Protein backbone atom coordinates (compact mmCIF):
# COMPACT_ATOMS: atom_id res chain seq x y z
CA MET A 1 -197.46 -119.96 -71.09
CA THR A 2 -196.06 -123.25 -69.83
CA ASN A 3 -195.72 -126.49 -71.78
CA LEU A 4 -198.59 -127.91 -69.73
CA ASP A 5 -201.02 -125.26 -70.94
CA PRO A 6 -203.26 -126.09 -73.90
CA GLN A 7 -202.56 -123.98 -76.96
CA PRO A 8 -205.29 -121.42 -77.59
CA ALA A 9 -207.75 -122.63 -80.21
CA LEU A 10 -208.74 -119.09 -81.14
CA VAL A 11 -206.79 -116.13 -82.49
CA PRO A 12 -206.87 -113.00 -80.28
CA VAL A 13 -207.08 -109.47 -81.62
CA ARG A 14 -203.35 -108.97 -81.90
CA SER A 15 -203.51 -105.21 -82.53
CA LEU A 16 -204.70 -104.84 -78.91
CA ARG A 17 -201.58 -106.42 -77.45
CA GLY A 18 -200.23 -104.33 -74.59
CA ARG A 19 -202.86 -101.62 -75.01
CA SER A 20 -205.12 -100.00 -72.46
CA PHE A 21 -208.90 -100.16 -72.83
CA LEU A 22 -210.49 -96.95 -71.57
CA SER A 23 -213.34 -96.60 -74.06
CA THR A 24 -214.70 -98.44 -77.09
CA SER A 25 -213.78 -95.30 -79.02
CA ASP A 26 -210.15 -96.36 -78.43
CA LEU A 27 -210.91 -99.16 -80.91
CA THR A 28 -211.54 -99.06 -84.60
CA SER A 29 -214.83 -100.57 -85.71
CA ALA A 30 -212.84 -103.47 -87.15
CA GLU A 31 -211.17 -104.14 -83.78
CA LEU A 32 -214.51 -103.95 -82.02
CA TYR A 33 -216.03 -106.43 -84.50
CA GLN A 34 -213.06 -108.75 -84.00
CA LEU A 35 -213.49 -108.68 -80.22
CA ILE A 36 -217.18 -109.46 -80.59
CA ASP A 37 -216.42 -112.33 -82.95
CA LEU A 38 -213.73 -113.67 -80.61
CA THR A 39 -216.14 -113.54 -77.68
CA ILE A 40 -218.84 -115.47 -79.51
CA ALA A 41 -216.33 -117.98 -80.89
CA GLY A 42 -214.88 -118.46 -77.43
CA LYS A 43 -218.29 -119.18 -75.97
CA SER A 44 -219.00 -121.71 -78.71
CA ALA A 45 -215.61 -123.43 -78.39
CA GLY A 46 -215.81 -123.82 -74.64
CA ARG A 47 -214.95 -121.98 -71.47
CA HIS A 48 -211.22 -122.69 -71.66
CA SER A 49 -210.78 -122.29 -75.42
CA LEU A 50 -208.63 -119.16 -75.04
CA GLY A 51 -205.97 -121.06 -73.13
CA HIS A 52 -203.92 -119.46 -70.35
CA PRO A 53 -202.32 -116.28 -71.72
CA LEU A 54 -202.28 -114.80 -68.18
CA ALA A 55 -200.33 -117.69 -66.62
CA GLY A 56 -197.85 -116.27 -64.13
CA ARG A 57 -199.40 -112.80 -64.38
CA GLY A 58 -201.49 -110.69 -62.04
CA VAL A 59 -204.23 -108.15 -62.72
CA GLY A 60 -204.99 -105.49 -60.13
CA LEU A 61 -208.69 -104.67 -59.83
CA VAL A 62 -209.02 -101.30 -58.12
CA PHE A 63 -212.52 -100.46 -56.87
CA PHE A 64 -213.34 -96.98 -55.63
CA ASN A 65 -217.03 -97.93 -55.85
CA PRO A 66 -219.28 -100.96 -55.29
CA SER A 67 -219.66 -103.71 -57.87
CA LEU A 68 -221.29 -107.10 -58.36
CA ARG A 69 -221.13 -108.14 -62.05
CA THR A 70 -217.95 -106.23 -62.88
CA ARG A 71 -216.04 -107.55 -59.89
CA ALA A 72 -217.17 -111.18 -60.16
CA SER A 73 -216.77 -111.37 -63.94
CA MET A 74 -213.31 -109.77 -63.95
CA VAL A 75 -212.04 -111.98 -61.12
CA MET A 76 -213.24 -115.07 -62.97
CA ALA A 77 -211.98 -113.83 -66.35
CA VAL A 78 -208.47 -113.38 -65.01
CA ALA A 79 -208.56 -116.70 -63.17
CA GLU A 80 -209.90 -118.70 -66.12
CA LEU A 81 -207.12 -117.30 -68.32
CA GLY A 82 -204.57 -118.57 -65.80
CA GLY A 83 -203.84 -115.29 -64.04
CA GLN A 84 -204.07 -114.03 -60.47
CA PRO A 85 -206.73 -111.38 -59.80
CA VAL A 86 -205.78 -108.85 -57.09
CA PRO A 87 -208.96 -107.00 -55.99
CA LEU A 88 -208.36 -103.80 -54.02
CA ASP A 89 -211.16 -101.82 -52.35
CA ILE A 90 -209.95 -98.25 -51.94
CA GLY A 91 -210.49 -96.99 -48.41
CA ALA A 92 -211.58 -100.43 -47.20
CA GLY A 93 -208.48 -102.57 -46.77
CA THR A 94 -206.28 -100.11 -48.65
CA TRP A 95 -205.31 -96.50 -48.06
CA ASP A 96 -207.74 -93.94 -49.39
CA LEU A 97 -206.23 -92.42 -52.54
CA GLU A 98 -205.88 -88.81 -53.59
CA HIS A 99 -205.74 -87.96 -57.32
CA GLU A 100 -205.71 -84.15 -57.50
CA VAL A 101 -202.42 -82.51 -58.48
CA GLY A 102 -200.88 -80.02 -56.07
CA VAL A 103 -203.31 -80.82 -53.25
CA VAL A 104 -202.26 -80.37 -49.62
CA MET A 105 -202.86 -83.82 -48.20
CA ASN A 106 -203.88 -82.88 -44.67
CA GLY A 107 -207.26 -84.59 -44.83
CA SER A 108 -208.45 -88.18 -44.77
CA LYS A 109 -206.56 -89.41 -47.85
CA SER A 110 -203.21 -90.97 -47.00
CA GLU A 111 -201.68 -91.82 -50.38
CA HIS A 112 -201.51 -90.23 -53.82
CA VAL A 113 -202.01 -92.08 -57.10
CA ARG A 114 -198.65 -90.70 -58.27
CA GLU A 115 -196.96 -93.19 -55.93
CA ALA A 116 -199.64 -95.85 -55.59
CA VAL A 117 -200.14 -96.56 -59.29
CA PRO A 118 -196.45 -96.88 -60.25
CA VAL A 119 -195.93 -99.13 -57.22
CA LEU A 120 -198.91 -101.31 -58.17
CA SER A 121 -197.48 -101.48 -61.70
CA GLN A 122 -194.45 -103.28 -60.22
CA TYR A 123 -196.68 -106.01 -58.80
CA VAL A 124 -199.22 -106.68 -61.55
CA ASP A 125 -199.31 -106.81 -65.34
CA ALA A 126 -202.49 -104.78 -65.86
CA ILE A 127 -204.73 -102.59 -63.73
CA GLY A 128 -208.51 -102.40 -63.90
CA VAL A 129 -210.08 -99.39 -62.21
CA ARG A 130 -213.67 -98.54 -61.28
CA CYS A 131 -214.19 -94.86 -60.39
CA PHE A 132 -217.60 -93.19 -60.47
CA PRO A 133 -218.12 -89.47 -61.17
CA ALA A 134 -218.52 -86.74 -58.58
CA LEU A 135 -221.70 -85.60 -60.39
CA LYS A 136 -220.91 -81.97 -59.60
CA SER A 137 -219.61 -80.68 -62.94
CA LEU A 138 -220.20 -82.22 -66.36
CA LYS A 139 -217.04 -80.56 -67.66
CA ASP A 140 -214.92 -81.95 -64.82
CA ASP A 141 -216.40 -85.45 -65.04
CA ARG A 142 -215.80 -85.57 -68.79
CA GLN A 143 -212.12 -84.98 -68.09
CA GLU A 144 -212.09 -88.32 -66.21
CA PRO A 145 -209.76 -87.14 -63.41
CA VAL A 146 -209.31 -90.50 -61.64
CA LEU A 147 -209.15 -92.73 -64.71
CA SER A 148 -206.82 -90.29 -66.45
CA ALA A 149 -204.50 -90.29 -63.45
CA PHE A 150 -204.29 -94.09 -63.51
CA ALA A 151 -203.64 -94.05 -67.26
CA GLU A 152 -200.91 -91.41 -66.83
CA TYR A 153 -199.02 -93.03 -63.97
CA ALA A 154 -199.48 -96.73 -64.78
CA GLN A 155 -196.64 -98.62 -66.42
CA VAL A 156 -198.96 -101.44 -67.49
CA PRO A 157 -202.23 -101.50 -69.49
CA VAL A 158 -205.23 -99.93 -67.75
CA ILE A 159 -208.76 -101.30 -68.19
CA ASN A 160 -211.78 -99.13 -67.46
CA LEU A 161 -214.19 -101.02 -65.19
CA GLU A 162 -216.59 -98.04 -65.25
CA SER A 163 -215.57 -94.45 -64.92
CA ALA A 164 -217.27 -91.08 -64.86
CA THR A 165 -218.35 -91.24 -68.49
CA ALA A 166 -217.63 -94.72 -69.84
CA HIS A 167 -218.24 -98.41 -69.16
CA PRO A 168 -216.61 -100.06 -72.18
CA CYS A 169 -216.58 -103.62 -70.83
CA GLN A 170 -220.35 -103.41 -70.39
CA ALA A 171 -220.76 -101.97 -73.88
CA LEU A 172 -218.65 -104.75 -75.38
CA ALA A 173 -220.86 -107.38 -73.73
CA ASP A 174 -223.94 -105.48 -74.89
CA MET A 175 -222.80 -105.63 -78.52
CA VAL A 176 -222.07 -109.35 -78.17
CA THR A 177 -225.60 -109.84 -76.84
CA ILE A 178 -227.19 -107.91 -79.71
CA ARG A 179 -225.11 -109.80 -82.26
CA GLU A 180 -226.23 -113.12 -80.78
CA GLN A 181 -229.84 -112.01 -80.60
CA LEU A 182 -230.21 -110.33 -84.01
CA GLY A 183 -227.55 -112.14 -86.02
CA GLY A 184 -225.86 -108.94 -87.18
CA PHE A 185 -225.82 -105.17 -86.91
CA ALA A 186 -226.55 -103.52 -90.26
CA GLY A 187 -230.12 -102.26 -90.46
CA ARG A 188 -231.02 -103.42 -86.95
CA LYS A 189 -233.07 -100.94 -84.97
CA VAL A 190 -232.07 -100.36 -81.35
CA SER A 191 -233.49 -97.86 -78.89
CA LEU A 192 -231.76 -96.46 -75.82
CA VAL A 193 -234.60 -95.28 -73.61
CA TRP A 194 -234.21 -93.07 -70.56
CA ALA A 195 -236.03 -94.42 -67.53
CA ASN A 196 -237.11 -92.79 -64.32
CA HIS A 197 -235.12 -93.54 -61.18
CA PRO A 198 -235.08 -92.26 -57.60
CA LYS A 199 -231.38 -91.40 -57.88
CA VAL A 200 -229.37 -89.24 -60.27
CA LEU A 201 -227.12 -91.64 -62.19
CA PRO A 202 -223.96 -91.17 -64.31
CA HIS A 203 -223.69 -91.13 -68.10
CA ALA A 204 -221.21 -94.01 -68.27
CA VAL A 205 -223.48 -96.87 -69.35
CA PRO A 206 -225.74 -94.97 -71.79
CA SER A 207 -222.80 -93.09 -73.28
CA SER A 208 -220.79 -96.26 -73.89
CA PHE A 209 -223.77 -98.22 -75.18
CA ALA A 210 -224.68 -95.49 -77.66
CA MET A 211 -221.09 -95.12 -78.85
CA ALA A 212 -220.56 -98.86 -79.32
CA ALA A 213 -223.93 -99.26 -81.06
CA LEU A 214 -223.00 -96.60 -83.61
CA GLN A 215 -219.48 -98.00 -84.02
CA CYS A 216 -221.18 -101.28 -84.96
CA GLY A 217 -223.38 -99.57 -87.55
CA LEU A 218 -226.70 -99.99 -85.75
CA ASP A 219 -229.65 -97.68 -86.33
CA LEU A 220 -229.92 -96.08 -82.89
CA THR A 221 -232.75 -94.06 -81.41
CA ILE A 222 -232.15 -92.25 -78.12
CA ALA A 223 -235.40 -91.37 -76.39
CA ALA A 224 -235.46 -89.15 -73.32
CA PRO A 225 -237.35 -86.20 -71.89
CA PRO A 226 -235.98 -82.90 -73.22
CA GLU A 227 -233.88 -82.25 -70.12
CA TYR A 228 -232.15 -85.63 -70.49
CA LEU A 229 -231.33 -85.72 -74.20
CA PRO A 230 -227.61 -85.67 -75.08
CA ASP A 231 -226.13 -82.18 -75.19
CA ALA A 232 -224.28 -80.82 -78.22
CA ASN A 233 -220.92 -82.30 -77.17
CA TRP A 234 -222.31 -85.77 -76.58
CA GLN A 235 -224.43 -85.66 -79.74
CA GLU A 236 -221.46 -84.57 -81.87
CA GLN A 237 -219.38 -87.55 -80.72
CA LEU A 238 -222.21 -89.96 -81.50
CA GLU A 239 -222.90 -88.47 -84.93
CA SER A 240 -219.23 -88.75 -85.80
CA ALA A 241 -219.24 -92.45 -84.89
CA ALA A 242 -222.37 -93.00 -86.98
CA ARG A 243 -220.80 -91.36 -90.03
CA VAL A 244 -217.71 -93.54 -89.80
CA ALA A 245 -219.51 -96.87 -89.34
CA GLY A 246 -222.60 -96.28 -91.47
CA GLY A 247 -225.20 -96.41 -88.71
CA SER A 248 -227.75 -93.75 -87.91
CA LEU A 249 -228.69 -91.66 -84.89
CA ARG A 250 -232.14 -90.30 -84.10
CA MET A 251 -233.13 -88.48 -80.92
CA THR A 252 -236.66 -87.95 -79.67
CA SER A 253 -238.56 -86.92 -76.57
CA HIS A 254 -241.64 -88.91 -77.61
CA LEU A 255 -241.56 -92.08 -75.56
CA ARG A 256 -243.64 -94.22 -77.91
CA ASP A 257 -241.49 -93.33 -80.92
CA ALA A 258 -238.63 -95.27 -79.34
CA TYR A 259 -240.63 -98.49 -79.27
CA GLU A 260 -242.18 -98.42 -82.72
CA GLY A 261 -240.41 -101.06 -84.81
CA ALA A 262 -237.47 -101.43 -82.40
CA GLN A 263 -235.74 -104.80 -82.12
CA VAL A 264 -233.96 -103.93 -78.88
CA ILE A 265 -235.07 -101.72 -76.02
CA TYR A 266 -232.16 -100.79 -73.78
CA ALA A 267 -233.43 -98.95 -70.69
CA LYS A 268 -231.21 -96.80 -68.50
CA SER A 269 -231.49 -93.71 -66.38
CA TRP A 270 -228.93 -90.90 -66.45
CA ALA A 271 -228.39 -87.38 -65.15
CA SER A 272 -229.90 -84.39 -66.88
CA THR A 273 -227.57 -82.72 -69.33
CA ARG A 274 -229.24 -79.40 -68.56
CA HIS A 275 -229.06 -79.61 -64.77
CA TYR A 276 -225.91 -81.69 -64.34
CA GLY A 277 -224.45 -81.08 -60.90
CA ASP A 278 -227.71 -79.70 -59.51
CA LEU A 279 -229.06 -82.86 -57.89
CA GLU A 280 -232.00 -81.15 -56.25
CA THR A 281 -233.28 -79.74 -59.54
CA ASP A 282 -232.70 -83.02 -61.37
CA LEU A 283 -234.71 -84.96 -58.77
CA ARG A 284 -237.51 -82.40 -58.97
CA VAL A 285 -237.60 -82.50 -62.78
CA ARG A 286 -237.61 -86.29 -63.08
CA ARG A 287 -240.70 -86.54 -60.88
CA HIS A 288 -242.67 -85.34 -63.93
CA TYR A 289 -241.58 -88.38 -65.95
CA GLY A 290 -242.84 -91.30 -63.90
CA ASN A 291 -244.42 -92.74 -67.05
CA TRP A 292 -240.95 -93.37 -68.52
CA GLN A 293 -241.03 -97.02 -67.50
CA VAL A 294 -240.75 -100.12 -69.70
CA THR A 295 -244.11 -101.88 -69.74
CA SER A 296 -245.65 -104.77 -71.65
CA GLU A 297 -247.95 -102.36 -73.45
CA LEU A 298 -244.96 -100.42 -74.79
CA MET A 299 -242.97 -103.56 -75.62
CA ASN A 300 -245.90 -104.76 -77.72
CA GLN A 301 -245.23 -101.86 -80.10
CA THR A 302 -241.78 -103.18 -80.95
CA ASN A 303 -240.76 -105.53 -83.74
CA ASP A 304 -240.60 -108.57 -81.42
CA GLY A 305 -238.12 -106.49 -79.45
CA VAL A 306 -236.08 -107.75 -76.53
CA PHE A 307 -235.41 -105.91 -73.30
CA MET A 308 -231.87 -105.13 -72.13
CA HIS A 309 -230.50 -103.46 -69.01
CA CYS A 310 -227.00 -103.46 -67.49
CA LEU A 311 -228.30 -104.27 -63.96
CA PRO A 312 -228.94 -103.63 -61.14
CA VAL A 313 -232.41 -102.47 -62.07
CA ARG A 314 -235.27 -101.02 -60.01
CA ARG A 315 -238.31 -103.23 -60.51
CA ASN A 316 -241.57 -101.43 -61.25
CA VAL A 317 -239.69 -98.14 -61.49
CA VAL A 318 -237.42 -98.63 -64.51
CA VAL A 319 -239.19 -101.74 -65.81
CA ALA A 320 -242.38 -103.59 -64.92
CA ASP A 321 -242.13 -107.08 -63.45
CA GLU A 322 -243.97 -108.64 -66.36
CA VAL A 323 -241.30 -107.41 -68.77
CA LEU A 324 -238.27 -108.21 -66.63
CA ASP A 325 -239.59 -111.69 -65.81
CA GLY A 326 -241.02 -112.34 -69.26
CA PRO A 327 -239.64 -114.07 -72.36
CA ARG A 328 -238.46 -110.81 -73.96
CA SER A 329 -236.01 -110.05 -71.16
CA ILE A 330 -232.41 -111.06 -71.92
CA VAL A 331 -230.74 -109.29 -69.01
CA VAL A 332 -229.25 -112.51 -67.57
CA GLN A 333 -227.74 -113.51 -70.93
CA GLN A 334 -226.46 -109.94 -71.25
CA ALA A 335 -224.80 -110.08 -67.83
CA ALA A 336 -223.33 -113.52 -68.51
CA ASN A 337 -221.63 -112.12 -71.60
CA ARG A 338 -219.52 -109.86 -69.39
CA LEU A 339 -217.31 -112.83 -68.49
CA ALA A 340 -216.88 -114.05 -72.07
CA ALA A 341 -216.26 -110.56 -73.46
CA GLN A 342 -213.68 -109.66 -70.82
CA LYS A 343 -211.84 -112.93 -71.40
CA ALA A 344 -211.60 -112.08 -75.11
CA LEU A 345 -210.35 -108.59 -74.21
CA LEU A 346 -207.74 -109.81 -71.72
CA ALA A 347 -206.57 -112.59 -74.03
CA SER A 348 -206.01 -109.98 -76.73
CA ILE A 349 -204.16 -107.55 -74.43
CA PHE A 350 -201.87 -110.38 -73.27
CA CYS A 351 -201.52 -112.29 -76.54
C-alpha cells in the first residue's frame, strides 16, 4: 500500500491472510460469519471502503470453462482493490494444460500444470481457477483432480472459481444475500430445490450452497426426486456441518414440502447421484420430472419466500417467467453480491 492510498475503513478477516479458498468448509463458521459481515459492511461503507490491499499485486484468473458473473466480478474485485487481474483462457490464447500424473503427452495438450502453475506463481500473487468436472465418475470428480493440482503446485494462494464439486465464492455471496434479506440465520427456513434442465449439470453450486447454509446454522430442506437426492457421502458431510453450527437438514422427494413455510427457495439442477457418469440414463430419468419447476402457485405456499438462483437460468424450464420477473426474485441482487463478497475475501487474503 502506498502513502497515496486511503487507509481501509474496515477490518479484514485476518485469520485468512495468505490462505487459499477452495471450499467454505475450509473456513470455521466464525470466519464465514466474519466474511459475510465484512461484505455487508463494505457495501454500506462504499465501493472503495476496503482500500487498496492489492496495490502492486497481480491475480491470475485461470478459466478452463466459460464464465460471465465469475469472470466479470473477479476482474473488477481485483481492480477495485488496486490489483492487476490477469485472465487466462486455457486452450484459447494459452497452451492447453495437462493435469494427470505420469501421462504420455503425445496428444493435444502442450504443457503440464507441474510447470505452468509454479511459473504462474512467479508472476502473480494469487491464482483463481475455474475447472468443471468431467461428469464421468463421481468418485474421480470428488477428488478434484484439476483444482487439487493447482493447490499442490502453486506457491501462492489458490481461489476456487468453481470446480468439480464446489463453488465457494457463489456460496459466500448467497449467504450474504440471505443475511441481507432475512436479517439473520438462526431459525430461518431455506429450501434447495432440484429443478429440471435439458443438460446434466455438476454438483458444485448445490453442494456449496447446502454446506454454507448449514455452516451458517440455517434450517435447510433439500428437495429432489429420489434419483437426485444427496448420496450417503454427501449427506454425511452436510449432517456434520449442521451438528457443528446448530442448523438442521431435512431431505424430501415431495416437491410441495420444500415450499411450505420456506423463506428462501433456491432452485438448481444437478446430476443424479444414482446415475452419475451415465448421461444417457440421467437425461432419460429427468424427463419424468418436468413438473419440478418454480411457479407462482408453488411460491404462494412459502412464508413470503424469495427466489434465488446462481444464474444463468433456463426460463420456463427451471423457473416460470412470472417468478423470475416478479417481486420475489432477488437473482440480480444475489449476482451483484459476488463482487462485494469477493472483495471482502481478497482483502482478507491480502491483509
